[in-house]
């Protein structure tokens, strides 16, 4: 070509670079302006639409979305739903809020027209015909000899007898308010509590029970042993 005649190779390369580089730059600018604008416009439109939706949702006051009521006027269910779509590039995320109200269960009563059932209250037992108020003595040591016990009370019958742990002991009638009983040593041979009752042999008359305490006997202190003296010659 006449343009490159009389030029050295270095000068030719410089001229080629001066022609090609501006052309490539021009093509790149055209691609940026016209080639990439098509897909970016819908994204911008979607971003604007999302921002408008978010603004509209945030400006609208939250309220119940659905309410259901029964015929009797009781409030059964309240539900509130709010959704906020985040805008493109916004760090905040959407929120879903659900609020439910369930009324407490109503007490279950007898069906209409049913006859109420009355629960019979237990009848307290009648008081015993004979009253036994005190024993003398009230406590004894186990393993001791037999003794005479005095019983005080009211409405004693001449036919009444004294029973210790359902075992009859000799009884003497002293009056309507006093009896005496001979307690044998075998009854108090071991420690513990003995039940004392006054009743007739046929069981028609009886008293409230009382307790005779049989305690463990105290231990005797050991006497110190006397040392034997040795004779002087030993």
C-alpha atoms as a PDB file:
ATOM      1  CA  UNK A   1       0.000   0.000   0.000  1.00  0.00           C
ATOM      2  CA  UNK A   2       1.101   3.567  -0.724  1.00  0.00           C
ATOM      3  CA  UNK A   3       0.451   4.474   2.894  1.00  0.00           C
ATOM      4  CA  UNK A   4       3.189   2.179   4.133  1.00  0.00           C
ATOM      5  CA  UNK A   5       5.729   2.778   1.341  1.00  0.00           C
ATOM      6  CA  UNK A   6       9.047   4.063   2.508  1.00  0.00           C
ATOM      7  CA  UNK A   7       8.233   3.226   6.163  1.00  0.00           C
ATOM      8  CA  UNK A   8      10.253   1.078   8.463  1.00  0.00           C
ATOM      9  CA  UNK A   9       8.618  -1.933  10.195  1.00  0.00           C
ATOM     10  CA  UNK A  10       8.442  -0.081  13.510  1.00  0.00           C
ATOM     11  CA  UNK A  11       6.707   2.864  11.907  1.00  0.00           C
ATOM     12  CA  UNK A  12       4.292   0.489  10.159  1.00  0.00           C
ATOM     13  CA  UNK A  13       3.356  -1.162  13.471  1.00  0.00           C
ATOM     14  CA  UNK A  14       2.732   2.203  15.094  1.00  0.00           C
ATOM     15  CA  UNK A  15       0.445   3.244  12.245  1.00  0.00           C
ATOM     16  CA  UNK A  16      -1.502  -0.029  12.396  1.00  0.00           C
ATOM     17  CA  UNK A  17      -1.948   0.343  16.179  1.00  0.00           C
ATOM     18  CA  UNK A  18      -3.103   3.939  15.735  1.00  0.00           C
ATOM     19  CA  UNK A  19      -5.834   2.761  13.333  1.00  0.00           C
ATOM     20  CA  UNK A  20      -6.979  -0.468  15.075  1.00  0.00           C
ATOM     21  CA  UNK A  21      -7.118   0.711  18.694  1.00  0.00           C
ATOM     22  CA  UNK A  22      -9.545   3.603  18.098  1.00  0.00           C
ATOM     23  CA  UNK A  23     -11.750   1.264  16.105  1.00  0.00           C
ATOM     24  CA  UNK A  24     -11.856  -1.297  18.890  1.00  0.00           C
ATOM     25  CA  UNK A  25     -12.582   1.411  21.441  1.00  0.00           C
ATOM     26  CA  UNK A  26     -15.430   2.709  19.306  1.00  0.00           C
ATOM     27  CA  UNK A  27     -16.938  -0.782  18.997  1.00  0.00           C
ATOM     28  CA  UNK A  28     -16.695  -1.330  22.765  1.00  0.00           C
ATOM     29  CA  UNK A  29     -18.497   1.946  23.452  1.00  0.00           C
ATOM     30  CA  UNK A  30     -21.250   1.014  21.011  1.00  0.00           C
ATOM     31  CA  UNK A  31     -21.666  -2.380  22.746  1.00  0.00           C
ATOM     32  CA  UNK A  32     -21.909  -0.756  26.178  1.00  0.00           C
ATOM     33  CA  UNK A  33     -24.497   1.752  25.013  1.00  0.00           C
ATOM     34  CA  UNK A  34     -26.753  -0.417  22.902  1.00  0.00           C
ATOM     35  CA  UNK A  35     -25.898  -4.036  23.617  1.00  0.00           C
ATOM     36  CA  UNK A  36     -26.241  -4.060  27.503  1.00  0.00           C
ATOM     37  CA  UNK A  37     -29.107  -1.609  27.859  1.00  0.00           C
ATOM     38  CA  UNK A  38     -31.798  -4.141  26.877  1.00  0.00           C
ATOM     39  CA  UNK A  39     -31.594  -6.575  29.831  1.00  0.00           C
ATOM     40  CA  UNK A  40     -30.887  -3.863  32.420  1.00  0.00           C
ATOM     41  CA  UNK A  41     -34.073  -1.891  31.809  1.00  0.00           C
ATOM     42  CA  UNK A  42     -36.492  -4.590  33.116  1.00  0.00           C
ATOM     43  CA  UNK A  43     -34.355  -4.950  36.248  1.00  0.00           C
ATOM     44  CA  UNK A  44     -34.594  -1.226  36.886  1.00  0.00           C
ATOM     45  CA  UNK A  45     -38.320  -1.376  36.266  1.00  0.00           C
ATOM     46  CA  UNK A  46     -38.679  -4.287  38.699  1.00  0.00           C
ATOM     47  CA  UNK A  47     -36.621  -2.401  41.280  1.00  0.00           C
ATOM     48  CA  UNK A  48     -38.876   0.647  40.990  1.00  0.00           C
ATOM     49  CA  UNK A  49     -41.983  -1.543  41.209  1.00  0.00           C
ATOM     50  CA  UNK A  50     -40.648  -3.302  44.327  1.00  0.00           C
ATOM     51  CA  UNK A  51     -39.835   0.017  45.957  1.00  0.00           C
ATOM     52  CA  UNK A  52     -43.330   1.321  45.223  1.00  0.00           C
ATOM     53  CA  UNK A  53     -44.885  -1.853  46.640  1.00  0.00           C
ATOM     54  CA  UNK A  54     -42.779  -1.627  49.801  1.00  0.00           C
ATOM     55  CA  UNK A  55     -43.690   2.038  50.284  1.00  0.00           C
ATOM     56  CA  UNK A  56     -47.383   1.325  49.780  1.00  0.00           C
ATOM     57  CA  UNK A  57     -47.307  -1.585  52.244  1.00  0.00           C
ATOM     58  CA  UNK A  58     -45.413   0.397  54.880  1.00  0.00           C
ATOM     59  CA  UNK A  59     -47.796   3.372  54.620  1.00  0.00           C
ATOM     60  CA  UNK A  60     -50.879   1.211  54.933  1.00  0.00           C
ATOM     61  CA  UNK A  61     -51.976   0.730  58.551  1.00  0.00           C
ATOM     62  CA  UNK A  62     -52.013  -2.930  59.633  1.00  0.00           C
ATOM     63  CA  UNK A  63     -55.412  -4.334  60.338  1.00  0.00           C
ATOM     64  CA  UNK A  64     -57.151  -7.675  60.713  1.00  0.00           C
ATOM     65  CA  UNK A  65     -57.300  -9.561  57.449  1.00  0.00           C
ATOM     66  CA  UNK A  66     -60.093 -11.883  58.457  1.00  0.00           C
ATOM     67  CA  UNK A  67     -62.519 -12.060  61.383  1.00  0.00           C
ATOM     68  CA  UNK A  68     -64.964 -14.816  62.184  1.00  0.00           C
ATOM     69  CA  UNK A  69     -67.718 -14.548  64.799  1.00  0.00           C
ATOM     70  CA  UNK A  70     -70.254 -17.018  66.092  1.00  0.00           C
ATOM     71  CA  UNK A  71     -74.014 -16.503  66.353  1.00  0.00           C
ATOM     72  CA  UNK A  72     -73.804 -15.856  70.084  1.00  0.00           C
ATOM     73  CA  UNK A  73     -71.380 -12.954  69.612  1.00  0.00           C
ATOM     74  CA  UNK A  74     -68.290 -14.652  71.025  1.00  0.00           C
ATOM     75  CA  UNK A  75     -65.069 -13.700  69.289  1.00  0.00           C
ATOM     76  CA  UNK A  76     -63.585 -16.896  67.940  1.00  0.00           C
ATOM     77  CA  UNK A  77     -60.578 -16.109  65.778  1.00  0.00           C
ATOM     78  CA  UNK A  78     -58.552 -13.080  64.770  1.00  0.00           C
ATOM     79  CA  UNK A  79     -55.803 -13.354  62.200  1.00  0.00           C
ATOM     80  CA  UNK A  80     -53.527 -10.575  61.022  1.00  0.00           C
ATOM     81  CA  UNK A  81     -51.205 -11.089  58.059  1.00  0.00           C
ATOM     82  CA  UNK A  82     -48.746  -8.517  56.812  1.00  0.00           C
ATOM     83  CA  UNK A  83     -46.101  -9.035  54.120  1.00  0.00           C
ATOM     84  CA  UNK A  84     -43.472  -6.597  53.099  1.00  0.00           C
ATOM     85  CA  UNK A  85     -41.415  -7.399  50.007  1.00  0.00           C
ATOM     86  CA  UNK A  86     -37.865  -6.059  50.248  1.00  0.00           C
ATOM     87  CA  UNK A  87     -36.619  -3.746  47.510  1.00  0.00           C
ATOM     88  CA  UNK A  88     -33.701  -4.756  45.327  1.00  0.00           C
ATOM     89  CA  UNK A  89     -30.517  -4.118  47.217  1.00  0.00           C
ATOM     90  CA  UNK A  90     -32.347  -3.553  50.516  1.00  0.00           C
ATOM     91  CA  UNK A  91     -30.858  -5.458  53.477  1.00  0.00           C
ATOM     92  CA  UNK A  92     -34.173  -5.789  55.329  1.00  0.00           C
ATOM     93  CA  UNK A  93     -36.232  -8.930  54.714  1.00  0.00           C
ATOM     94  CA  UNK A  94     -39.978  -9.396  54.570  1.00  0.00           C
ATOM     95  CA  UNK A  95     -42.028 -10.217  57.656  1.00  0.00           C
ATOM     96  CA  UNK A  96     -45.046 -12.458  58.182  1.00  0.00           C
ATOM     97  CA  UNK A  97     -47.003 -11.764  61.389  1.00  0.00           C
ATOM     98  CA  UNK A  98     -49.753 -14.142  62.525  1.00  0.00           C
ATOM     99  CA  UNK A  99     -51.885 -13.410  65.606  1.00  0.00           C
ATOM    100  CA  UNK A 100     -54.485 -15.927  66.731  1.00  0.00           C
ATOM    101  CA  UNK A 101     -56.945 -15.697  69.636  1.00  0.00           C
ATOM    102  CA  UNK A 102     -58.630 -18.860  70.856  1.00  0.00           C
ATOM    103  CA  UNK A 103     -61.286 -18.438  73.550  1.00  0.00           C
ATOM    104  CA  UNK A 104     -61.010 -20.575  76.698  1.00  0.00           C
ATOM    105  CA  UNK A 105     -63.122 -23.756  76.721  1.00  0.00           C
ATOM    106  CA  UNK A 106     -66.540 -23.393  78.193  1.00  0.00           C
ATOM    107  CA  UNK A 107     -67.302 -25.466  81.310  1.00  0.00           C
ATOM    108  CA  UNK A 108     -69.140 -28.654  80.526  1.00  0.00           C
ATOM    109  CA  UNK A 109     -72.343 -28.923  82.494  1.00  0.00           C
ATOM    110  CA  UNK A 110     -75.121 -31.478  82.647  1.00  0.00           C
ATOM    111  CA  UNK A 111     -77.247 -31.740  79.508  1.00  0.00           C
ATOM    112  CA  UNK A 112     -80.414 -29.709  79.306  1.00  0.00           C
ATOM    113  CA  UNK A 113     -83.306 -31.350  81.091  1.00  0.00           C
ATOM    114  CA  UNK A 114     -81.112 -33.740  83.070  1.00  0.00           C
ATOM    115  CA  UNK A 115     -81.900 -34.255  86.733  1.00  0.00           C
ATOM    116  CA  UNK A 116     -78.953 -33.234  88.950  1.00  0.00           C
ATOM    117  CA  UNK A 117     -77.504 -36.112  90.921  1.00  0.00           C
ATOM    118  CA  UNK A 118     -77.036 -35.450  94.609  1.00  0.00           C
ATOM    119  CA  UNK A 119     -73.980 -37.037  96.175  1.00  0.00           C
ATOM    120  CA  UNK A 120     -74.781 -38.527  99.548  1.00  0.00           C
ATOM    121  CA  UNK A 121     -72.507 -37.274 102.303  1.00  0.00           C
ATOM    122  CA  UNK A 122     -71.056 -39.948 104.568  1.00  0.00           C
ATOM    123  CA  UNK A 123     -72.770 -40.140 107.925  1.00  0.00           C
ATOM    124  CA  UNK A 124     -70.341 -39.688 110.841  1.00  0.00           C
ATOM    125  CA  UNK A 125     -70.285 -42.633 113.226  1.00  0.00           C
ATOM    126  CA  UNK A 126     -72.175 -42.143 116.481  1.00  0.00           C
ATOM    127  CA  UNK A 127     -70.188 -41.508 119.645  1.00  0.00           C
ATOM    128  CA  UNK A 128     -69.443 -44.587 121.754  1.00  0.00           C
ATOM    129  CA  UNK A 129     -71.899 -45.266 124.582  1.00  0.00           C
ATOM    130  CA  UNK A 130     -69.103 -45.378 127.182  1.00  0.00           C
ATOM    131  CA  UNK A 131     -66.566 -42.610 127.676  1.00  0.00           C
ATOM    132  CA  UNK A 132     -63.003 -43.520 128.702  1.00  0.00           C
ATOM    133  CA  UNK A 133     -61.107 -40.339 129.627  1.00  0.00           C
ATOM    134  CA  UNK A 134     -57.951 -41.314 131.593  1.00  0.00           C
ATOM    135  CA  UNK A 135     -55.720 -44.151 132.799  1.00  0.00           C
ATOM    136  CA  UNK A 136     -53.682 -44.203 135.979  1.00  0.00           C
ATOM    137  CA  UNK A 137     -50.871 -44.951 135.567  1.00  0.00           C
ATOM    138  CA  UNK A 138     -50.549 -43.995 131.902  1.00  0.00           C
ATOM    139  CA  UNK A 139     -46.993 -45.390 131.488  1.00  0.00           C
ATOM    140  CA  UNK A 140     -45.100 -48.304 133.075  1.00  0.00           C
ATOM    141  CA  UNK A 141     -41.704 -49.975 132.581  1.00  0.00           C
ATOM    142  CA  UNK A 142     -41.502 -53.238 130.703  1.00  0.00           C
ATOM    143  CA  UNK A 143     -40.640 -56.356 132.701  1.00  0.00           C
ATOM    144  CA  UNK A 144     -42.043 -55.093 135.993  1.00  0.00           C
ATOM    145  CA  UNK A 145     -44.584 -56.940 138.151  1.00  0.00           C
ATOM    146  CA  UNK A 146     -48.324 -56.722 137.657  1.00  0.00           C
ATOM    147  CA  UNK A 147     -50.167 -53.674 139.009  1.00  0.00           C
ATOM    148  CA  UNK A 148     -53.635 -52.209 139.479  1.00  0.00           C
ATOM    149  CA  UNK A 149     -54.779 -49.626 136.976  1.00  0.00           C
ATOM    150  CA  UNK A 150     -57.552 -47.106 137.563  1.00  0.00           C
ATOM    151  CA  UNK A 151     -59.816 -46.049 134.708  1.00  0.00           C
ATOM    152  CA  UNK A 152     -61.813 -42.797 134.764  1.00  0.00           C
ATOM    153  CA  UNK A 153     -64.683 -41.877 132.470  1.00  0.00           C
ATOM    154  CA  UNK A 154     -68.462 -41.831 132.334  1.00  0.00           C
ATOM    155  CA  UNK A 155     -71.404 -44.198 131.794  1.00  0.00           C
ATOM    156  CA  UNK A 156     -69.532 -47.258 132.999  1.00  0.00           C
ATOM    157  CA  UNK A 157     -71.781 -50.319 133.214  1.00  0.00           C
ATOM    158  CA  UNK A 158     -71.486 -52.967 135.962  1.00  0.00           C
ATOM    159  CA  UNK A 159     -71.149 -55.609 133.249  1.00  0.00           C
ATOM    160  CA  UNK A 160     -68.326 -53.725 131.474  1.00  0.00           C
ATOM    161  CA  UNK A 161     -64.872 -55.281 131.363  1.00  0.00           C
ATOM    162  CA  UNK A 162     -61.412 -53.908 130.602  1.00  0.00           C
ATOM    163  CA  UNK A 163     -59.624 -55.289 127.515  1.00  0.00           C
ATOM    164  CA  UNK A 164     -55.919 -54.726 126.816  1.00  0.00           C
ATOM    165  CA  UNK A 165     -55.008 -55.594 123.216  1.00  0.00           C
ATOM    166  CA  UNK A 166     -58.332 -57.524 122.980  1.00  0.00           C
ATOM    167  CA  UNK A 167     -57.361 -59.561 126.051  1.00  0.00           C
ATOM    168  CA  UNK A 168     -59.728 -59.335 129.032  1.00  0.00           C
ATOM    169  CA  UNK A 169     -58.185 -58.560 132.425  1.00  0.00           C
ATOM    170  CA  UNK A 170     -59.826 -58.774 135.876  1.00  0.00           C
ATOM    171  CA  UNK A 171     -62.087 -55.743 136.349  1.00  0.00           C
ATOM    172  CA  UNK A 172     -63.812 -54.241 139.414  1.00  0.00           C
ATOM    173  CA  UNK A 173     -66.770 -51.866 139.029  1.00  0.00           C
ATOM    174  CA  UNK A 174     -66.374 -48.816 141.306  1.00  0.00           C
ATOM    175  CA  UNK A 175     -69.143 -46.659 139.912  1.00  0.00           C
ATOM    176  CA  UNK A 176     -70.422 -45.070 136.696  1.00  0.00           C
ATOM    177  CA  UNK A 177     -67.232 -42.986 136.439  1.00  0.00           C
ATOM    178  CA  UNK A 178     -64.514 -45.319 137.754  1.00  0.00           C
ATOM    179  CA  UNK A 179     -63.213 -48.830 137.189  1.00  0.00           C
ATOM    180  CA  UNK A 180     -60.127 -50.709 138.383  1.00  0.00           C
ATOM    181  CA  UNK A 181     -58.307 -53.440 136.476  1.00  0.00           C
ATOM    182  CA  UNK A 182     -55.550 -55.844 137.504  1.00  0.00           C
ATOM    183  CA  UNK A 183     -52.857 -55.854 134.803  1.00  0.00           C
ATOM    184  CA  UNK A 184     -50.746 -59.055 134.885  1.00  0.00           C
ATOM    185  CA  UNK A 185     -46.996 -58.941 134.338  1.00  0.00           C
ATOM    186  CA  UNK A 186     -47.202 -60.922 131.086  1.00  0.00           C
ATOM    187  CA  UNK A 187     -49.121 -58.070 129.426  1.00  0.00           C
ATOM    188  CA  UNK A 188     -46.256 -55.617 130.020  1.00  0.00           C
ATOM    189  CA  UNK A 189     -43.354 -58.000 129.445  1.00  0.00           C
ATOM    190  CA  UNK A 190     -42.171 -56.085 126.352  1.00  0.00           C
ATOM    191  CA  UNK A 191     -42.018 -52.399 125.500  1.00  0.00           C
ATOM    192  CA  UNK A 192     -44.585 -50.772 123.194  1.00  0.00           C
ATOM    193  CA  UNK A 193     -48.099 -49.378 123.260  1.00  0.00           C
ATOM    194  CA  UNK A 194     -51.106 -51.320 124.511  1.00  0.00           C
ATOM    195  CA  UNK A 195     -54.658 -50.473 123.477  1.00  0.00           C
ATOM    196  CA  UNK A 196     -57.119 -50.279 126.373  1.00  0.00           C
ATOM    197  CA  UNK A 197     -60.902 -50.506 125.764  1.00  0.00           C
ATOM    198  CA  UNK A 198     -63.865 -50.812 128.119  1.00  0.00           C
ATOM    199  CA  UNK A 199     -66.824 -52.832 126.746  1.00  0.00           C
ATOM    200  CA  UNK A 200     -69.414 -55.415 127.674  1.00  0.00           C
ATOM    201  CA  UNK A 201     -68.816 -59.065 126.707  1.00  0.00           C
ATOM    202  CA  UNK A 202     -71.635 -58.952 124.109  1.00  0.00           C
ATOM    203  CA  UNK A 203     -70.148 -55.820 122.469  1.00  0.00           C
ATOM    204  CA  UNK A 204     -73.340 -53.752 122.789  1.00  0.00           C
ATOM    205  CA  UNK A 205     -71.643 -51.155 125.004  1.00  0.00           C
ATOM    206  CA  UNK A 206     -68.091 -50.013 124.288  1.00  0.00           C
ATOM    207  CA  UNK A 207     -65.792 -47.057 124.861  1.00  0.00           C
ATOM    208  CA  UNK A 208     -63.281 -45.084 122.902  1.00  0.00           C
ATOM    209  CA  UNK A 209     -59.777 -46.632 122.913  1.00  0.00           C
ATOM    210  CA  UNK A 210     -56.944 -45.356 125.091  1.00  0.00           C
ATOM    211  CA  UNK A 211     -53.206 -46.175 125.139  1.00  0.00           C
ATOM    212  CA  UNK A 212     -51.008 -47.646 127.885  1.00  0.00           C
ATOM    213  CA  UNK A 213     -47.312 -46.910 127.209  1.00  0.00           C
ATOM    214  CA  UNK A 214     -44.880 -49.697 128.162  1.00  0.00           C
ATOM    215  CA  UNK A 215     -41.392 -48.167 128.211  1.00  0.00           C
ATOM    216  CA  UNK A 216     -37.963 -49.733 128.208  1.00  0.00           C
ATOM    217  CA  UNK A 217     -36.611 -49.983 131.753  1.00  0.00           C
ATOM    218  CA  UNK A 218     -33.653 -47.718 132.584  1.00  0.00           C
ATOM    219  CA  UNK A 219     -30.209 -49.288 132.627  1.00  0.00           C
ATOM    220  CA  UNK A 220     -28.621 -49.715 136.046  1.00  0.00           C
ATOM    221  CA  UNK A 221     -25.251 -47.942 136.415  1.00  0.00           C
ATOM    222  CA  UNK A 222     -22.301 -50.302 136.855  1.00  0.00           C
ATOM    223  CA  UNK A 223     -20.673 -50.169 140.290  1.00  0.00           C
ATOM    224  CA  UNK A 224     -16.878 -49.673 140.260  1.00  0.00           C
ATOM    225  CA  UNK A 225     -14.918 -52.720 141.388  1.00  0.00           C
ATOM    226  CA  UNK A 226     -12.895 -52.313 144.572  1.00  0.00           C
ATOM    227  CA  UNK A 227      -9.202 -52.988 144.245  1.00  0.00           C
ATOM    228  CA  UNK A 228      -7.831 -55.712 146.511  1.00  0.00           C
ATOM    229  CA  UNK A 229      -5.004 -54.740 148.809  1.00  0.00           C
ATOM    230  CA  UNK A 230      -1.961 -56.991 148.762  1.00  0.00           C
ATOM    231  CA  UNK A 231      -0.368 -58.064 152.068  1.00  0.00           C
ATOM    232  CA  UNK A 232       2.896 -56.279 152.973  1.00  0.00           C
ATOM    233  CA  UNK A 233       4.983 -59.450 152.508  1.00  0.00           C
ATOM    234  CA  UNK A 234       3.871 -59.788 148.886  1.00  0.00           C
END
